[in-house]
Amino acid sequence: MNFGSVIKERRALLKISQQDLAEYSGVGISTVKDIERGVGNPSMETLKKILDVVGLEMVLQVKHTG
């Protein structure tokens, strides 16, 4: 499952339209649609704005090799 799918499911659970999510996060509607379809390449800042609205957080892990 990609992050676009997670955002879409969470948005649906909260009963927020794509337009609402765009307005609340300050991100363009086309960006929201692209992210949910998995075709967008959003910046970390854009993702953070969207995740804040839907009540999710991003956790990055560094993988050690060797």
PDB file of N, CA and C in Angstrom:
ATOM      1  N   MET A   1       0.851  -1.182   0.000  1.00  0.00           N
ATOM      2  CA  MET A   1       0.000   0.000   0.000  1.00  0.00           C
ATOM      3  C   MET A   1       0.892   1.238   0.000  1.00  0.00           C
ATOM      4  N   ASN A   2       0.617   2.174  -0.885  1.00  0.00           N
ATOM      5  CA  ASN A   2       1.415   3.393  -0.929  1.00  0.00           C
ATOM      6  C   ASN A   2       0.773   4.492  -0.078  1.00  0.00           C
ATOM      7  N   PHE A   3       1.516   5.554   0.138  1.00  0.00           N
ATOM      8  CA  PHE A   3       0.994   6.617   1.009  1.00  0.00           C
ATOM      9  C   PHE A   3      -0.233   7.298   0.434  1.00  0.00           C
ATOM     10  N   GLY A   4      -0.365   7.335  -0.889  1.00  0.00           N
ATOM     11  CA  GLY A   4      -1.562   7.915  -1.506  1.00  0.00           C
ATOM     12  C   GLY A   4      -2.822   7.161  -1.118  1.00  0.00           C
ATOM     13  N   SER A   5      -2.720   5.849  -1.089  1.00  0.00           N
ATOM     14  CA  SER A   5      -3.856   5.010  -0.690  1.00  0.00           C
ATOM     15  C   SER A   5      -4.212   5.222   0.770  1.00  0.00           C
ATOM     16  N   VAL A   6      -3.202   5.361   1.595  1.00  0.00           N
ATOM     17  CA  VAL A   6      -3.427   5.583   3.028  1.00  0.00           C
ATOM     18  C   VAL A   6      -4.134   6.923   3.237  1.00  0.00           C
ATOM     19  N   ILE A   7      -3.674   7.946   2.540  1.00  0.00           N
ATOM     20  CA  ILE A   7      -4.295   9.271   2.652  1.00  0.00           C
ATOM     21  C   ILE A   7      -5.740   9.219   2.181  1.00  0.00           C
ATOM     22  N   LYS A   8      -5.978   8.556   1.066  1.00  0.00           N
ATOM     23  CA  LYS A   8      -7.334   8.454   0.518  1.00  0.00           C
ATOM     24  C   LYS A   8      -8.270   7.741   1.491  1.00  0.00           C
ATOM     25  N   GLU A   9      -7.812   6.620   2.068  1.00  0.00           N
ATOM     26  CA  GLU A   9      -8.638   5.883   3.038  1.00  0.00           C
ATOM     27  C   GLU A   9      -8.929   6.730   4.274  1.00  0.00           C
ATOM     28  N   ARG A  10      -7.922   7.415   4.760  1.00  0.00           N
ATOM     29  CA  ARG A  10      -8.098   8.247   5.955  1.00  0.00           C
ATOM     30  C   ARG A  10      -9.053   9.409   5.668  1.00  0.00           C
ATOM     31  N   ARG A  11      -8.914  10.011   4.492  1.00  0.00           N
ATOM     32  CA  ARG A  11      -9.792  11.119   4.102  1.00  0.00           C
ATOM     33  C   ARG A  11     -11.233  10.639   4.026  1.00  0.00           C
ATOM     34  N   ALA A  12     -11.439   9.459   3.460  1.00  0.00           N
ATOM     35  CA  ALA A  12     -12.792   8.898   3.360  1.00  0.00           C
ATOM     36  C   ALA A  12     -13.355   8.613   4.745  1.00  0.00           C
ATOM     37  N   LEU A  13     -12.525   8.084   5.628  1.00  0.00           N
ATOM     38  CA  LEU A  13     -12.954   7.802   7.000  1.00  0.00           C
ATOM     39  C   LEU A  13     -13.404   9.076   7.707  1.00  0.00           C
ATOM     40  N   LEU A  14     -12.708  10.164   7.444  1.00  0.00           N
ATOM     41  CA  LEU A  14     -13.028  11.452   8.070  1.00  0.00           C
ATOM     42  C   LEU A  14     -14.134  12.200   7.333  1.00  0.00           C
ATOM     43  N   LYS A  15     -14.582  11.629   6.196  1.00  0.00           N
ATOM     44  CA  LYS A  15     -15.626  12.252   5.377  1.00  0.00           C
ATOM     45  C   LYS A  15     -15.222  13.649   4.901  1.00  0.00           C
ATOM     46  N   ILE A  16     -13.979  13.737   4.436  1.00  0.00           N
ATOM     47  CA  ILE A  16     -13.442  14.977   3.890  1.00  0.00           C
ATOM     48  C   ILE A  16     -13.277  14.775   2.383  1.00  0.00           C
ATOM     49  N   SER A  17     -13.780  15.698   1.587  1.00  0.00           N
ATOM     50  CA  SER A  17     -13.616  15.602   0.138  1.00  0.00           C
ATOM     51  C   SER A  17     -12.181  15.978  -0.240  1.00  0.00           C
ATOM     52  N   GLN A  18     -11.806  15.641  -1.461  1.00  0.00           N
ATOM     53  CA  GLN A  18     -10.489  16.045  -1.950  1.00  0.00           C
ATOM     54  C   GLN A  18     -10.376  17.569  -1.949  1.00  0.00           C
ATOM     55  N   GLN A  19     -11.441  18.241  -2.319  1.00  0.00           N
ATOM     56  CA  GLN A  19     -11.440  19.705  -2.333  1.00  0.00           C
ATOM     57  C   GLN A  19     -11.230  20.257  -0.922  1.00  0.00           C
ATOM     58  N   ASP A  20     -11.925  19.666   0.055  1.00  0.00           N
ATOM     59  CA  ASP A  20     -11.752  20.092   1.447  1.00  0.00           C
ATOM     60  C   ASP A  20     -10.308  19.890   1.895  1.00  0.00           C
ATOM     61  N   LEU A  21      -9.760  18.723   1.586  1.00  0.00           N
ATOM     62  CA  LEU A  21      -8.383  18.429   1.983  1.00  0.00           C
ATOM     63  C   LEU A  21      -7.423  19.436   1.360  1.00  0.00           C
ATOM     64  N   ALA A  22      -7.644  19.763   0.110  1.00  0.00           N
ATOM     65  CA  ALA A  22      -6.796  20.749  -0.562  1.00  0.00           C
ATOM     66  C   ALA A  22      -6.887  22.106   0.137  1.00  0.00           C
ATOM     67  N   GLU A  23      -8.099  22.532   0.443  1.00  0.00           N
ATOM     68  CA  GLU A  23      -8.287  23.834   1.095  1.00  0.00           C
ATOM     69  C   GLU A  23      -7.707  23.853   2.506  1.00  0.00           C
ATOM     70  N   TYR A  24      -7.981  22.808   3.292  1.00  0.00           N
ATOM     71  CA  TYR A  24      -7.504  22.772   4.676  1.00  0.00           C
ATOM     72  C   TYR A  24      -5.980  22.712   4.761  1.00  0.00           C
ATOM     73  N   SER A  25      -5.359  22.044   3.789  1.00  0.00           N
ATOM     74  CA  SER A  25      -3.909  21.864   3.831  1.00  0.00           C
ATOM     75  C   SER A  25      -3.148  22.955   3.073  1.00  0.00           C
ATOM     76  N   GLY A  26      -3.856  23.720   2.250  1.00  0.00           N
ATOM     77  CA  GLY A  26      -3.183  24.737   1.456  1.00  0.00           C
ATOM     78  C   GLY A  26      -2.442  24.154   0.256  1.00  0.00           C
ATOM     79  N   VAL A  27      -2.851  22.974  -0.160  1.00  0.00           N
ATOM     80  CA  VAL A  27      -2.236  22.283  -1.288  1.00  0.00           C
ATOM     81  C   VAL A  27      -3.238  22.293  -2.438  1.00  0.00           C
ATOM     82  N   GLY A  28      -2.766  22.368  -3.660  1.00  0.00           N
ATOM     83  CA  GLY A  28      -3.659  22.390  -4.814  1.00  0.00           C
ATOM     84  C   GLY A  28      -4.457  21.100  -4.969  1.00  0.00           C
ATOM     85  N   ILE A  29      -5.683  21.221  -5.463  1.00  0.00           N
ATOM     86  CA  ILE A  29      -6.545  20.059  -5.660  1.00  0.00           C
ATOM     87  C   ILE A  29      -5.910  19.049  -6.603  1.00  0.00           C
ATOM     88  N   SER A  30      -5.239  19.518  -7.646  1.00  0.00           N
ATOM     89  CA  SER A  30      -4.608  18.579  -8.582  1.00  0.00           C
ATOM     90  C   SER A  30      -3.488  17.798  -7.898  1.00  0.00           C
ATOM     91  N   THR A  31      -2.800  18.427  -6.968  1.00  0.00           N
ATOM     92  CA  THR A  31      -1.747  17.739  -6.209  1.00  0.00           C
ATOM     93  C   THR A  31      -2.346  16.652  -5.331  1.00  0.00           C
ATOM     94  N   VAL A  32      -3.445  16.966  -4.649  1.00  0.00           N
ATOM     95  CA  VAL A  32      -4.123  15.972  -3.809  1.00  0.00           C
ATOM     96  C   VAL A  32      -4.559  14.783  -4.664  1.00  0.00           C
ATOM     97  N   LYS A  33      -5.171  15.059  -5.807  1.00  0.00           N
ATOM     98  CA  LYS A  33      -5.636  13.981  -6.694  1.00  0.00           C
ATOM     99  C   LYS A  33      -4.473  13.131  -7.178  1.00  0.00           C
ATOM    100  N   ASP A  34      -3.390  13.764  -7.584  1.00  0.00           N
ATOM    101  CA  ASP A  34      -2.220  13.022  -8.058  1.00  0.00           C
ATOM    102  C   ASP A  34      -1.635  12.132  -6.963  1.00  0.00           C
ATOM    103  N   ILE A  35      -1.526  12.666  -5.760  1.00  0.00           N
ATOM    104  CA  ILE A  35      -0.980  11.888  -4.646  1.00  0.00           C
ATOM    105  C   ILE A  35      -1.847  10.667  -4.379  1.00  0.00           C
ATOM    106  N   GLU A  36      -3.145  10.857  -4.336  1.00  0.00           N
ATOM    107  CA  GLU A  36      -4.053   9.740  -4.059  1.00  0.00           C
ATOM    108  C   GLU A  36      -4.019   8.689  -5.168  1.00  0.00           C
ATOM    109  N   ARG A  37      -3.771   9.106  -6.397  1.00  0.00           N
ATOM    110  CA  ARG A  37      -3.676   8.162  -7.519  1.00  0.00           C
ATOM    111  C   ARG A  37      -2.302   7.510  -7.598  1.00  0.00           C
ATOM    112  N   GLY A  38      -1.363   8.004  -6.807  1.00  0.00           N
ATOM    113  CA  GLY A  38      -0.020   7.433  -6.809  1.00  0.00           C
ATOM    114  C   GLY A  38       0.851   7.925  -7.958  1.00  0.00           C
ATOM    115  N   VAL A  39       0.463   9.025  -8.591  1.00  0.00           N
ATOM    116  CA  VAL A  39       1.250   9.538  -9.703  1.00  0.00           C
ATOM    117  C   VAL A  39       1.980  10.830  -9.353  1.00  0.00           C
ATOM    118  N   GLY A  40       1.712  11.365  -8.188  1.00  0.00           N
ATOM    119  CA  GLY A  40       2.361  12.603  -7.786  1.00  0.00           C
ATOM    120  C   GLY A  40       3.734  12.343  -7.197  1.00  0.00           C
ATOM    121  N   ASN A  41       4.549  13.362  -7.177  1.00  0.00           N
ATOM    122  CA  ASN A  41       5.861  13.298  -6.546  1.00  0.00           C
ATOM    123  C   ASN A  41       5.967  14.486  -5.594  1.00  0.00           C
ATOM    124  N   PRO A  42       5.202  14.442  -4.503  1.00  0.00           N
ATOM    125  CA  PRO A  42       5.139  15.600  -3.607  1.00  0.00           C
ATOM    126  C   PRO A  42       6.402  15.774  -2.777  1.00  0.00           C
ATOM    127  N   SER A  43       6.634  17.008  -2.399  1.00  0.00           N
ATOM    128  CA  SER A  43       7.744  17.282  -1.483  1.00  0.00           C
ATOM    129  C   SER A  43       7.354  16.796  -0.092  1.00  0.00           C
ATOM    130  N   MET A  44       8.328  16.686   0.765  1.00  0.00           N
ATOM    131  CA  MET A  44       8.071  16.281   2.156  1.00  0.00           C
ATOM    132  C   MET A  44       7.164  17.310   2.835  1.00  0.00           C
ATOM    133  N   GLU A  45       7.360  18.584   2.518  1.00  0.00           N
ATOM    134  CA  GLU A  45       6.546  19.648   3.110  1.00  0.00           C
ATOM    135  C   GLU A  45       5.081  19.514   2.692  1.00  0.00           C
ATOM    136  N   THR A  46       4.839  19.211   1.424  1.00  0.00           N
ATOM    137  CA  THR A  46       3.472  19.026   0.931  1.00  0.00           C
ATOM    138  C   THR A  46       2.818  17.839   1.631  1.00  0.00           C
ATOM    139  N   LEU A  47       3.548  16.744   1.729  1.00  0.00           N
ATOM    140  CA  LEU A  47       3.005  15.571   2.420  1.00  0.00           C
ATOM    141  C   LEU A  47       2.680  15.886   3.870  1.00  0.00           C
ATOM    142  N   LYS A  48       3.569  16.611   4.538  1.00  0.00           N
ATOM    143  CA  LYS A  48       3.336  16.952   5.945  1.00  0.00           C
ATOM    144  C   LYS A  48       2.065  17.774   6.105  1.00  0.00           C
ATOM    145  N   LYS A  49       1.832  18.720   5.215  1.00  0.00           N
ATOM    146  CA  LYS A  49       0.619  19.547   5.285  1.00  0.00           C
ATOM    147  C   LYS A  49      -0.632  18.679   5.177  1.00  0.00           C
ATOM    148  N   ILE A  50      -0.615  17.741   4.249  1.00  0.00           N
ATOM    149  CA  ILE A  50      -1.764  16.860   4.047  1.00  0.00           C
ATOM    150  C   ILE A  50      -1.940  15.918   5.228  1.00  0.00           C
ATOM    151  N   LEU A  51      -0.850  15.321   5.681  1.00  0.00           N
ATOM    152  CA  LEU A  51      -0.927  14.382   6.802  1.00  0.00           C
ATOM    153  C   LEU A  51      -1.401  15.060   8.078  1.00  0.00           C
ATOM    154  N   ASP A  52      -0.999  16.302   8.290  1.00  0.00           N
ATOM    155  CA  ASP A  52      -1.463  17.043   9.468  1.00  0.00           C
ATOM    156  C   ASP A  52      -2.985  17.174   9.467  1.00  0.00           C
ATOM    157  N   VAL A  53      -3.561  17.441   8.311  1.00  0.00           N
ATOM    158  CA  VAL A  53      -5.017  17.614   8.213  1.00  0.00           C
ATOM    159  C   VAL A  53      -5.747  16.317   8.527  1.00  0.00           C
ATOM    160  N   VAL A  54      -5.224  15.194   8.045  1.00  0.00           N
ATOM    161  CA  VAL A  54      -5.926  13.919   8.244  1.00  0.00           C
ATOM    162  C   VAL A  54      -5.489  13.195   9.517  1.00  0.00           C
ATOM    163  N   GLY A  55      -4.620  13.818  10.302  1.00  0.00           N
ATOM    164  CA  GLY A  55      -4.238  13.254  11.594  1.00  0.00           C
ATOM    165  C   GLY A  55      -3.257  12.106  11.516  1.00  0.00           C
ATOM    166  N   LEU A  56      -2.389  12.135  10.524  1.00  0.00           N
ATOM    167  CA  LEU A  56      -1.357  11.106  10.393  1.00  0.00           C
ATOM    168  C   LEU A  56       0.009  11.763  10.494  1.00  0.00           C
ATOM    169  N   GLU A  57       1.025  10.953  10.779  1.00  0.00           N
ATOM    170  CA  GLU A  57       2.370  11.491  10.803  1.00  0.00           C
ATOM    171  C   GLU A  57       3.286  10.597   9.978  1.00  0.00           C
ATOM    172  N   MET A  58       4.337  11.186   9.487  1.00  0.00           N
ATOM    173  CA  MET A  58       5.304  10.478   8.680  1.00  0.00           C
ATOM    174  C   MET A  58       6.483  10.093   9.573  1.00  0.00           C
ATOM    175  N   VAL A  59       6.900   8.852   9.484  1.00  0.00           N
ATOM    176  CA  VAL A  59       8.047   8.383  10.251  1.00  0.00           C
ATOM    177  C   VAL A  59       9.064   7.832   9.256  1.00  0.00           C
ATOM    178  N   LEU A  60      10.261   8.380   9.287  1.00  0.00           N
ATOM    179  CA  LEU A  60      11.324   7.922   8.412  1.00  0.00           C
ATOM    180  C   LEU A  60      12.320   7.106   9.218  1.00  0.00           C
ATOM    181  N   GLN A  61      12.755   6.022   8.636  1.00  0.00           N
ATOM    182  CA  GLN A  61      13.740   5.182   9.305  1.00  0.00           C
ATOM    183  C   GLN A  61      14.972   5.060   8.424  1.00  0.00           C
ATOM    184  N   VAL A  62      16.119   5.092   9.036  1.00  0.00           N
ATOM    185  CA  VAL A  62      17.372   4.918   8.316  1.00  0.00           C
ATOM    186  C   VAL A  62      17.811   3.474   8.494  1.00  0.00           C
ATOM    187  N   LYS A  63      18.046   2.839   7.384  1.00  0.00           N
ATOM    188  CA  LYS A  63      18.445   1.429   7.411  1.00  0.00           C
ATOM    189  C   LYS A  63      19.962   1.348   7.385  1.00  0.00           C
ATOM    190  N   HIS A  64      20.508   0.645   8.359  1.00  0.00           N
ATOM    191  CA  HIS A  64      21.951   0.450   8.411  1.00  0.00           C
ATOM    192  C   HIS A  64      22.312  -0.758   7.566  1.00  0.00           C
ATOM    193  N   THR A  65      23.358  -0.610   6.802  1.00  0.00           N
ATOM    194  CA  THR A  65      23.840  -1.744   6.014  1.00  0.00           C
ATOM    195  C   THR A  65      25.248  -2.083   6.456  1.00  0.00           C
ATOM    196  N   GLY A  66      25.538  -3.342   6.372  1.00  0.00           N
ATOM    197  CA  GLY A  66      26.900  -3.804   6.670  1.00  0.00           C
ATOM    198  C   GLY A  66      27.187  -3.877   8.070  1.00  0.00           C
TER     199      GLY A  66
END
